[in-house]
């Protein structure tokens, strides 16, 4: 149940990048990002 609730806020489509303003906005409450699969 907890996973289902958390996964409702998971999804790259909710990550809004604005190239003109060079900014990011989350379109869903509870969304978080982690670069553990990218930063190294």
ModelCIF file with pLDDT and N, C-alpha, C, O atoms, coordinates in Angstrom:
data_MODEL
#
_entry.id   MODEL 
#
_entity.id                         1 
_entity.type                       polymer 
_entity.pdbx_number_of_molecules   1 
#
_entity_poly.entity_id                      1 
_entity_poly.type                           'polypeptide(L)' 
_entity_poly.nstd_linkage                   no 
_entity_poly.nstd_monomer                   no 
_entity_poly.pdbx_seq_one_letter_code       
;(UNK)(UNK)(UNK)(UNK)(UNK)(UNK)(UNK)(UNK)(UNK)(UNK)(UNK)(UNK)(UNK)(UNK)(UNK)(UNK)
(UNK)(UNK)(UNK)(UNK)(UNK)(UNK)(UNK)(UNK)(UNK)(UNK)(UNK)(UNK)(UNK)(UNK)(UNK)(UNK)
(UNK)(UNK)(UNK)(UNK)(UNK)(UNK)(UNK)(UNK)
;
_entity_poly.pdbx_seq_one_letter_code_can   XXXXXXXXXXXXXXXXXXXXXXXXXXXXXXXXXXXXXXXX 
_entity_poly.pdbx_strand_id                 A 
#
loop_
_entity_poly_seq.entity_id 
_entity_poly_seq.num 
_entity_poly_seq.mon_id 
_entity_poly_seq.hetero 
1 1  UNK n 
1 2  UNK n 
1 3  UNK n 
1 4  UNK n 
1 5  UNK n 
1 6  UNK n 
1 7  UNK n 
1 8  UNK n 
1 9  UNK n 
1 10 UNK n 
1 11 UNK n 
1 12 UNK n 
1 13 UNK n 
1 14 UNK n 
1 15 UNK n 
1 16 UNK n 
1 17 UNK n 
1 18 UNK n 
1 19 UNK n 
1 20 UNK n 
1 21 UNK n 
1 22 UNK n 
1 23 UNK n 
1 24 UNK n 
1 25 UNK n 
1 26 UNK n 
1 27 UNK n 
1 28 UNK n 
1 29 UNK n 
1 30 UNK n 
1 31 UNK n 
1 32 UNK n 
1 33 UNK n 
1 34 UNK n 
1 35 UNK n 
1 36 UNK n 
1 37 UNK n 
1 38 UNK n 
1 39 UNK n 
1 40 UNK n 
#
_struct_asym.id          A 
_struct_asym.entity_id   1 
#
loop_
_ma_qa_metric.id 
_ma_qa_metric.mode 
_ma_qa_metric.name 
_ma_qa_metric.software_group_id 
_ma_qa_metric.type 
1 global pLDDT . pLDDT 
2 local  pLDDT . pLDDT 
#
_ma_qa_metric_global.metric_id      1 
_ma_qa_metric_global.metric_value   95.10 
_ma_qa_metric_global.model_id       1 
_ma_qa_metric_global.ordinal_id     1 
#
loop_
_ma_qa_metric_local.label_asym_id 
_ma_qa_metric_local.label_comp_id 
_ma_qa_metric_local.label_seq_id 
_ma_qa_metric_local.metric_id 
_ma_qa_metric_local.metric_value 
_ma_qa_metric_local.model_id 
_ma_qa_metric_local.ordinal_id 
A UNK 1  2 95.00 1 1  
A UNK 2  2 95.00 1 2  
A UNK 3  2 95.00 1 3  
A UNK 4  2 94.00 1 4  
A UNK 5  2 94.00 1 5  
A UNK 6  2 94.00 1 6  
A UNK 7  2 95.00 1 7  
A UNK 8  2 93.00 1 8  
A UNK 9  2 92.00 1 9  
A UNK 10 2 96.00 1 10 
A UNK 11 2 96.00 1 11 
A UNK 12 2 96.00 1 12 
A UNK 13 2 96.00 1 13 
A UNK 14 2 97.00 1 14 
A UNK 15 2 97.00 1 15 
A UNK 16 2 98.00 1 16 
A UNK 17 2 98.00 1 17 
A UNK 18 2 98.00 1 18 
A UNK 19 2 98.00 1 19 
A UNK 20 2 98.00 1 20 
A UNK 21 2 98.00 1 21 
A UNK 22 2 98.00 1 22 
A UNK 23 2 98.00 1 23 
A UNK 24 2 98.00 1 24 
A UNK 25 2 98.00 1 25 
A UNK 26 2 98.00 1 26 
A UNK 27 2 97.00 1 27 
A UNK 28 2 94.00 1 28 
A UNK 29 2 93.00 1 29 
A UNK 30 2 93.00 1 30 
A UNK 31 2 96.00 1 31 
A UNK 32 2 96.00 1 32 
A UNK 33 2 97.00 1 33 
A UNK 34 2 96.00 1 34 
A UNK 35 2 95.00 1 35 
A UNK 36 2 86.00 1 36 
A UNK 37 2 80.00 1 37 
A UNK 38 2 89.00 1 38 
A UNK 39 2 94.00 1 39 
A UNK 40 2 95.00 1 40 
#
loop_
_atom_site.group_PDB 
_atom_site.id 
_atom_site.type_symbol 
_atom_site.label_atom_id 
_atom_site.label_alt_id 
_atom_site.label_comp_id 
_atom_site.label_asym_id 
_atom_site.label_entity_id 
_atom_site.label_seq_id 
_atom_site.pdbx_PDB_ins_code 
_atom_site.Cartn_x 
_atom_site.Cartn_y 
_atom_site.Cartn_z 
_atom_site.occupancy 
_atom_site.B_iso_or_equiv 
_atom_site.pdbx_formal_charge 
_atom_site.auth_seq_id 
_atom_site.auth_comp_id 
_atom_site.auth_asym_id 
_atom_site.auth_atom_id 
_atom_site.pdbx_PDB_model_num 
ATOM 1   N N  . UNK A 1 1  ? 0.828  -1.209 0.000   1.00 95.00 ? 1  UNK A N  1 
ATOM 2   C CA . UNK A 1 1  ? 0.000  0.000  0.000   1.00 95.00 ? 1  UNK A CA 1 
ATOM 3   C C  . UNK A 1 1  ? 0.862  1.258  0.000   1.00 95.00 ? 1  UNK A C  1 
ATOM 4   O O  . UNK A 1 1  ? 0.578  2.213  -0.723  1.00 95.00 ? 1  UNK A O  1 
ATOM 5   N N  . UNK A 1 2  ? 1.924  1.255  0.820   1.00 95.00 ? 2  UNK A N  1 
ATOM 6   C CA . UNK A 1 2  ? 2.814  2.413  0.870   1.00 95.00 ? 2  UNK A CA 1 
ATOM 7   C C  . UNK A 1 2  ? 3.542  2.601  -0.458  1.00 95.00 ? 2  UNK A C  1 
ATOM 8   O O  . UNK A 1 2  ? 3.736  3.730  -0.911  1.00 95.00 ? 2  UNK A O  1 
ATOM 9   N N  . UNK A 1 3  ? 3.944  1.497  -1.079  1.00 95.00 ? 3  UNK A N  1 
ATOM 10  C CA . UNK A 1 3  ? 4.609  1.586  -2.374  1.00 95.00 ? 3  UNK A CA 1 
ATOM 11  C C  . UNK A 1 3  ? 3.672  2.140  -3.443  1.00 95.00 ? 3  UNK A C  1 
ATOM 12  O O  . UNK A 1 3  ? 4.063  2.984  -4.249  1.00 95.00 ? 3  UNK A O  1 
ATOM 13  N N  . UNK A 1 4  ? 2.437  1.657  -3.440  1.00 94.00 ? 4  UNK A N  1 
ATOM 14  C CA . UNK A 1 4  ? 1.474  2.129  -4.428  1.00 94.00 ? 4  UNK A CA 1 
ATOM 15  C C  . UNK A 1 4  ? 1.258  3.626  -4.307  1.00 94.00 ? 4  UNK A C  1 
ATOM 16  O O  . UNK A 1 4  ? 1.172  4.329  -5.314  1.00 94.00 ? 4  UNK A O  1 
ATOM 17  N N  . UNK A 1 5  ? 1.170  4.116  -3.077  1.00 94.00 ? 5  UNK A N  1 
ATOM 18  C CA . UNK A 1 5  ? 0.984  5.543  -2.859  1.00 94.00 ? 5  UNK A CA 1 
ATOM 19  C C  . UNK A 1 5  ? 2.206  6.333  -3.331  1.00 94.00 ? 5  UNK A C  1 
ATOM 20  O O  . UNK A 1 5  ? 2.073  7.378  -3.967  1.00 94.00 ? 5  UNK A O  1 
ATOM 21  N N  . UNK A 1 6  ? 3.406  5.818  -3.011  1.00 94.00 ? 6  UNK A N  1 
ATOM 22  C CA . UNK A 1 6  ? 4.628  6.511  -3.422  1.00 94.00 ? 6  UNK A CA 1 
ATOM 23  C C  . UNK A 1 6  ? 4.792  6.507  -4.935  1.00 94.00 ? 6  UNK A C  1 
ATOM 24  O O  . UNK A 1 6  ? 5.215  7.506  -5.517  1.00 94.00 ? 6  UNK A O  1 
ATOM 25  N N  . UNK A 1 7  ? 4.460  5.392  -5.574  1.00 95.00 ? 7  UNK A N  1 
ATOM 26  C CA . UNK A 1 7  ? 4.649  5.274  -7.024  1.00 95.00 ? 7  UNK A CA 1 
ATOM 27  C C  . UNK A 1 7  ? 3.708  6.186  -7.806  1.00 95.00 ? 7  UNK A C  1 
ATOM 28  O O  . UNK A 1 7  ? 3.944  6.470  -8.981  1.00 95.00 ? 7  UNK A O  1 
ATOM 29  N N  . UNK A 1 8  ? 2.643  6.643  -7.151  1.00 93.00 ? 8  UNK A N  1 
ATOM 30  C CA . UNK A 1 8  ? 1.742  7.589  -7.820  1.00 93.00 ? 8  UNK A CA 1 
ATOM 31  C C  . UNK A 1 8  ? 2.454  8.907  -8.102  1.00 93.00 ? 8  UNK A C  1 
ATOM 32  O O  . UNK A 1 8  ? 2.035  9.658  -8.983  1.00 93.00 ? 8  UNK A O  1 
ATOM 33  N N  . UNK A 1 9  ? 3.522  9.195  -7.369  1.00 92.00 ? 9  UNK A N  1 
ATOM 34  C CA . UNK A 1 9  ? 4.295  10.422 -7.572  1.00 92.00 ? 9  UNK A CA 1 
ATOM 35  C C  . UNK A 1 9  ? 5.588  10.160 -8.326  1.00 92.00 ? 9  UNK A C  1 
ATOM 36  O O  . UNK A 1 9  ? 6.416  11.060 -8.465  1.00 92.00 ? 9  UNK A O  1 
ATOM 37  N N  . UNK A 1 10 ? 5.775  8.936  -8.815  1.00 96.00 ? 10 UNK A N  1 
ATOM 38  C CA . UNK A 1 10 ? 6.970  8.598  -9.579  1.00 96.00 ? 10 UNK A CA 1 
ATOM 39  C C  . UNK A 1 10 ? 6.644  8.697  -11.066 1.00 96.00 ? 10 UNK A C  1 
ATOM 40  O O  . UNK A 1 10 ? 5.582  8.256  -11.508 1.00 96.00 ? 10 UNK A O  1 
ATOM 41  N N  . UNK A 1 11 ? 7.555  9.274  -11.827 1.00 96.00 ? 11 UNK A N  1 
ATOM 42  C CA . UNK A 1 11 ? 7.349  9.337  -13.269 1.00 96.00 ? 11 UNK A CA 1 
ATOM 43  C C  . UNK A 1 11 ? 8.059  10.528 -13.878 1.00 96.00 ? 11 UNK A C  1 
ATOM 44  O O  . UNK A 1 11 ? 7.840  11.668 -13.469 1.00 96.00 ? 11 UNK A O  1 
ATOM 45  N N  . UNK A 1 12 ? 8.911  10.262 -14.856 1.00 96.00 ? 12 UNK A N  1 
ATOM 46  C CA . UNK A 1 12 ? 9.687  11.342 -15.469 1.00 96.00 ? 12 UNK A CA 1 
ATOM 47  C C  . UNK A 1 12 ? 8.803  12.378 -16.137 1.00 96.00 ? 12 UNK A C  1 
ATOM 48  O O  . UNK A 1 12 ? 9.225  13.518 -16.335 1.00 96.00 ? 12 UNK A O  1 
ATOM 49  N N  . UNK A 1 13 ? 7.569  11.993 -16.492 1.00 96.00 ? 13 UNK A N  1 
ATOM 50  C CA . UNK A 1 13 ? 6.669  12.945 -17.135 1.00 96.00 ? 13 UNK A CA 1 
ATOM 51  C C  . UNK A 1 13 ? 6.248  14.067 -16.184 1.00 96.00 ? 13 UNK A C  1 
ATOM 52  O O  . UNK A 1 13 ? 5.734  15.093 -16.630 1.00 96.00 ? 13 UNK A O  1 
ATOM 53  N N  . UNK A 1 14 ? 6.461  13.883 -14.883 1.00 97.00 ? 14 UNK A N  1 
ATOM 54  C CA . UNK A 1 14 ? 6.129  14.917 -13.904 1.00 97.00 ? 14 UNK A CA 1 
ATOM 55  C C  . UNK A 1 14 ? 7.306  15.858 -13.624 1.00 97.00 ? 14 UNK A C  1 
ATOM 56  O O  . UNK A 1 14 ? 7.198  16.768 -12.803 1.00 97.00 ? 14 UNK A O  1 
ATOM 57  N N  . UNK A 1 15 ? 8.412  15.633 -14.305 1.00 97.00 ? 15 UNK A N  1 
ATOM 58  C CA . UNK A 1 15 ? 9.609  16.465 -14.138 1.00 97.00 ? 15 UNK A CA 1 
ATOM 59  C C  . UNK A 1 15 ? 9.632  17.475 -15.281 1.00 97.00 ? 15 UNK A C  1 
ATOM 60  O O  . UNK A 1 15 ? 9.870  17.102 -16.430 1.00 97.00 ? 15 UNK A O  1 
ATOM 61  N N  . UNK A 1 16 ? 9.389  18.738 -14.980 1.00 98.00 ? 16 UNK A N  1 
ATOM 62  C CA . UNK A 1 16 ? 9.232  19.765 -16.002 1.00 98.00 ? 16 UNK A CA 1 
ATOM 63  C C  . UNK A 1 16 ? 10.483 20.646 -16.066 1.00 98.00 ? 16 UNK A C  1 
ATOM 64  O O  . UNK A 1 16 ? 10.771 21.410 -15.145 1.00 98.00 ? 16 UNK A O  1 
ATOM 65  N N  . UNK A 1 17 ? 11.218 20.520 -17.175 1.00 98.00 ? 17 UNK A N  1 
ATOM 66  C CA . UNK A 1 17 ? 12.404 21.337 -17.405 1.00 98.00 ? 17 UNK A CA 1 
ATOM 67  C C  . UNK A 1 17 ? 12.048 22.505 -18.314 1.00 98.00 ? 17 UNK A C  1 
ATOM 68  O O  . UNK A 1 17 ? 11.369 22.334 -19.326 1.00 98.00 ? 17 UNK A O  1 
ATOM 69  N N  . UNK A 1 18 ? 12.511 23.684 -17.946 1.00 98.00 ? 18 UNK A N  1 
ATOM 70  C CA . UNK A 1 18 ? 12.308 24.891 -18.742 1.00 98.00 ? 18 UNK A CA 1 
ATOM 71  C C  . UNK A 1 18 ? 13.674 25.349 -19.237 1.00 98.00 ? 18 UNK A C  1 
ATOM 72  O O  . UNK A 1 18 ? 14.469 25.903 -18.477 1.00 98.00 ? 18 UNK A O  1 
ATOM 73  N N  . UNK A 1 19 ? 13.940 25.109 -20.534 1.00 98.00 ? 19 UNK A N  1 
ATOM 74  C CA . UNK A 1 19 ? 15.258 25.445 -21.074 1.00 98.00 ? 19 UNK A CA 1 
ATOM 75  C C  . UNK A 1 19 ? 15.496 26.949 -21.087 1.00 98.00 ? 19 UNK A C  1 
ATOM 76  O O  . UNK A 1 19 ? 16.616 27.400 -20.848 1.00 98.00 ? 19 UNK A O  1 
ATOM 77  N N  . UNK A 1 20 ? 14.457 27.727 -21.364 1.00 98.00 ? 20 UNK A N  1 
ATOM 78  C CA . UNK A 1 20 ? 14.627 29.183 -21.434 1.00 98.00 ? 20 UNK A CA 1 
ATOM 79  C C  . UNK A 1 20 ? 15.014 29.757 -20.072 1.00 98.00 ? 20 UNK A C  1 
ATOM 80  O O  . UNK A 1 20 ? 15.891 30.615 -19.974 1.00 98.00 ? 20 UNK A O  1 
ATOM 81  N N  . UNK A 1 21 ? 14.344 29.269 -19.020 1.00 98.00 ? 21 UNK A N  1 
ATOM 82  C CA . UNK A 1 21 ? 14.634 29.757 -17.660 1.00 98.00 ? 21 UNK A CA 1 
ATOM 83  C C  . UNK A 1 21 ? 15.714 28.934 -16.973 1.00 98.00 ? 21 UNK A C  1 
ATOM 84  O O  . UNK A 1 21 ? 16.179 29.296 -15.892 1.00 98.00 ? 21 UNK A O  1 
ATOM 85  N N  . UNK A 1 22 ? 16.116 27.828 -17.596 1.00 98.00 ? 22 UNK A N  1 
ATOM 86  C CA . UNK A 1 22 ? 17.068 26.861 -17.021 1.00 98.00 ? 22 UNK A CA 1 
ATOM 87  C C  . UNK A 1 22 ? 16.637 26.501 -15.591 1.00 98.00 ? 22 UNK A C  1 
ATOM 88  O O  . UNK A 1 22 ? 17.363 26.716 -14.621 1.00 98.00 ? 22 UNK A O  1 
ATOM 89  N N  . UNK A 1 23 ? 15.425 25.945 -15.512 1.00 98.00 ? 23 UNK A N  1 
ATOM 90  C CA . UNK A 1 23 ? 14.847 25.620 -14.210 1.00 98.00 ? 23 UNK A CA 1 
ATOM 91  C C  . UNK A 1 23 ? 14.126 24.287 -14.283 1.00 98.00 ? 23 UNK A C  1 
ATOM 92  O O  . UNK A 1 23 ? 13.888 23.750 -15.364 1.00 98.00 ? 23 UNK A O  1 
ATOM 93  N N  . UNK A 1 24 ? 13.781 23.760 -13.109 1.00 98.00 ? 24 UNK A N  1 
ATOM 94  C CA . UNK A 1 24 ? 13.014 22.527 -13.014 1.00 98.00 ? 24 UNK A CA 1 
ATOM 95  C C  . UNK A 1 24 ? 11.857 22.741 -12.054 1.00 98.00 ? 24 UNK A C  1 
ATOM 96  O O  . UNK A 1 24 ? 11.960 23.490 -11.082 1.00 98.00 ? 24 UNK A O  1 
ATOM 97  N N  . UNK A 1 25 ? 10.753 22.067 -12.348 1.00 98.00 ? 25 UNK A N  1 
ATOM 98  C CA . UNK A 1 25 ? 9.585  22.106 -11.473 1.00 98.00 ? 25 UNK A CA 1 
ATOM 99  C C  . UNK A 1 25 ? 9.000  20.712 -11.392 1.00 98.00 ? 25 UNK A C  1 
ATOM 100 O O  . UNK A 1 25 ? 8.969  19.986 -12.385 1.00 98.00 ? 25 UNK A O  1 
ATOM 101 N N  . UNK A 1 26 ? 8.531  20.334 -10.201 1.00 98.00 ? 26 UNK A N  1 
ATOM 102 C CA . UNK A 1 26 ? 7.856  19.058 -10.018 1.00 98.00 ? 26 UNK A CA 1 
ATOM 103 C C  . UNK A 1 26 ? 6.351  19.271 -10.177 1.00 98.00 ? 26 UNK A C  1 
ATOM 104 O O  . UNK A 1 26 ? 5.769  20.128 -9.511  1.00 98.00 ? 26 UNK A O  1 
ATOM 105 N N  . UNK A 1 27 ? 5.728  18.498 -11.050 1.00 97.00 ? 27 UNK A N  1 
ATOM 106 C CA . UNK A 1 27 ? 4.292  18.640 -11.281 1.00 97.00 ? 27 UNK A CA 1 
ATOM 107 C C  . UNK A 1 27 ? 3.459  17.801 -10.314 1.00 97.00 ? 27 UNK A C  1 
ATOM 108 O O  . UNK A 1 27 ? 2.230  17.847 -10.360 1.00 97.00 ? 27 UNK A O  1 
ATOM 109 N N  . UNK A 1 28 ? 4.109  17.041 -9.446  1.00 94.00 ? 28 UNK A N  1 
ATOM 110 C CA . UNK A 1 28 ? 3.404  16.210 -8.465  1.00 94.00 ? 28 UNK A CA 1 
ATOM 111 C C  . UNK A 1 28 ? 4.004  16.401 -7.087  1.00 94.00 ? 28 UNK A C  1 
ATOM 112 O O  . UNK A 1 28 ? 5.225  16.408 -6.933  1.00 94.00 ? 28 UNK A O  1 
ATOM 113 N N  . UNK A 1 29 ? 3.154  16.554 -6.088  1.00 93.00 ? 29 UNK A N  1 
ATOM 114 C CA . UNK A 1 29 ? 3.625  16.533 -4.703  1.00 93.00 ? 29 UNK A CA 1 
ATOM 115 C C  . UNK A 1 29 ? 4.184  15.155 -4.396  1.00 93.00 ? 29 UNK A C  1 
ATOM 116 O O  . UNK A 1 29 ? 3.657  14.150 -4.873  1.00 93.00 ? 29 UNK A O  1 
ATOM 117 N N  . UNK A 1 30 ? 5.234  15.100 -3.614  1.00 93.00 ? 30 UNK A N  1 
ATOM 118 C CA . UNK A 1 30 ? 5.835  13.823 -3.240  1.00 93.00 ? 30 UNK A CA 1 
ATOM 119 C C  . UNK A 1 30 ? 6.897  13.342 -4.206  1.00 93.00 ? 30 UNK A C  1 
ATOM 120 O O  . UNK A 1 30 ? 7.584  12.360 -3.922  1.00 93.00 ? 30 UNK A O  1 
ATOM 121 N N  . UNK A 1 31 ? 7.052  14.016 -5.355  1.00 96.00 ? 31 UNK A N  1 
ATOM 122 C CA . UNK A 1 31 ? 8.075  13.613 -6.312  1.00 96.00 ? 31 UNK A CA 1 
ATOM 123 C C  . UNK A 1 31 ? 9.452  14.010 -5.776  1.00 96.00 ? 31 UNK A C  1 
ATOM 124 O O  . UNK A 1 31 ? 9.626  15.102 -5.236  1.00 96.00 ? 31 UNK A O  1 
ATOM 125 N N  . UNK A 1 32 ? 10.414 13.123 -5.929  1.00 96.00 ? 32 UNK A N  1 
ATOM 126 C CA . UNK A 1 32 ? 11.799 13.367 -5.530  1.00 96.00 ? 32 UNK A CA 1 
ATOM 127 C C  . UNK A 1 32 ? 12.700 12.768 -6.599  1.00 96.00 ? 32 UNK A C  1 
ATOM 128 O O  . UNK A 1 32 ? 12.326 11.820 -7.289  1.00 96.00 ? 32 UNK A O  1 
ATOM 129 N N  . UNK A 1 33 ? 13.897 13.339 -6.723  1.00 97.00 ? 33 UNK A N  1 
ATOM 130 C CA . UNK A 1 33 ? 14.852 12.790 -7.681  1.00 97.00 ? 33 UNK A CA 1 
ATOM 131 C C  . UNK A 1 33 ? 16.120 12.356 -6.952  1.00 97.00 ? 33 UNK A C  1 
ATOM 132 O O  . UNK A 1 33 ? 16.464 12.878 -5.891  1.00 97.00 ? 33 UNK A O  1 
ATOM 133 N N  . UNK A 1 34 ? 16.794 11.393 -7.552  1.00 96.00 ? 34 UNK A N  1 
ATOM 134 C CA . UNK A 1 34 ? 18.059 10.890 -7.015  1.00 96.00 ? 34 UNK A CA 1 
ATOM 135 C C  . UNK A 1 34 ? 18.960 10.595 -8.200  1.00 96.00 ? 34 UNK A C  1 
ATOM 136 O O  . UNK A 1 34 ? 18.551 9.912  -9.139  1.00 96.00 ? 34 UNK A O  1 
ATOM 137 N N  . UNK A 1 35 ? 20.180 11.105 -8.163  1.00 95.00 ? 35 UNK A N  1 
ATOM 138 C CA . UNK A 1 35 ? 21.123 10.912 -9.263  1.00 95.00 ? 35 UNK A CA 1 
ATOM 139 C C  . UNK A 1 35 ? 22.066 9.748  -9.016  1.00 95.00 ? 35 UNK A C  1 
ATOM 140 O O  . UNK A 1 35 ? 23.129 9.667  -9.631  1.00 95.00 ? 35 UNK A O  1 
ATOM 141 N N  . UNK A 1 36 ? 21.680 8.834  -8.107  1.00 86.00 ? 36 UNK A N  1 
ATOM 142 C CA . UNK A 1 36 ? 22.534 7.689  -7.805  1.00 86.00 ? 36 UNK A CA 1 
ATOM 143 C C  . UNK A 1 36 ? 22.817 6.818  -9.010  1.00 86.00 ? 36 UNK A C  1 
ATOM 144 O O  . UNK A 1 36 ? 23.835 6.127  -9.037  1.00 86.00 ? 36 UNK A O  1 
ATOM 145 N N  . UNK A 1 37 ? 21.943 6.831  -10.012 1.00 80.00 ? 37 UNK A N  1 
ATOM 146 C CA . UNK A 1 37 ? 22.174 6.050  -11.219 1.00 80.00 ? 37 UNK A CA 1 
ATOM 147 C C  . UNK A 1 37 ? 22.820 6.848  -12.325 1.00 80.00 ? 37 UNK A C  1 
ATOM 148 O O  . UNK A 1 37 ? 22.814 6.424  -13.481 1.00 80.00 ? 37 UNK A O  1 
ATOM 149 N N  . UNK A 1 38 ? 23.381 8.005  -11.991 1.00 89.00 ? 38 UNK A N  1 
ATOM 150 C CA . UNK A 1 38 ? 23.891 8.896  -13.026 1.00 89.00 ? 38 UNK A CA 1 
ATOM 151 C C  . UNK A 1 38 ? 25.145 9.655  -12.610 1.00 89.00 ? 38 UNK A C  1 
ATOM 152 O O  . UNK A 1 38 ? 26.048 9.854  -13.422 1.00 89.00 ? 38 UNK A O  1 
ATOM 153 N N  . UNK A 1 39 ? 25.205 10.085 -11.333 1.00 94.00 ? 39 UNK A N  1 
ATOM 154 C CA . UNK A 1 39 ? 26.261 11.008 -10.906 1.00 94.00 ? 39 UNK A CA 1 
ATOM 155 C C  . UNK A 1 39 ? 27.659 10.411 -10.995 1.00 94.00 ? 39 UNK A C  1 
ATOM 156 O O  . UNK A 1 39 ? 28.603 11.114 -11.355 1.00 94.00 ? 39 UNK A O  1 
ATOM 157 N N  . UNK A 1 40 ? 27.812 9.119  -10.675 1.00 95.00 ? 40 UNK A N  1 
ATOM 158 C CA . UNK A 1 40 ? 29.157 8.537  -10.713 1.00 95.00 ? 40 UNK A CA 1 
ATOM 159 C C  . UNK A 1 40 ? 29.650 8.394  -12.143 1.00 95.00 ? 40 UNK A C  1 
ATOM 160 O O  . UNK A 1 40 ? 30.764 7.921  -12.368 1.00 95.00 ? 40 UNK A O  1 
#
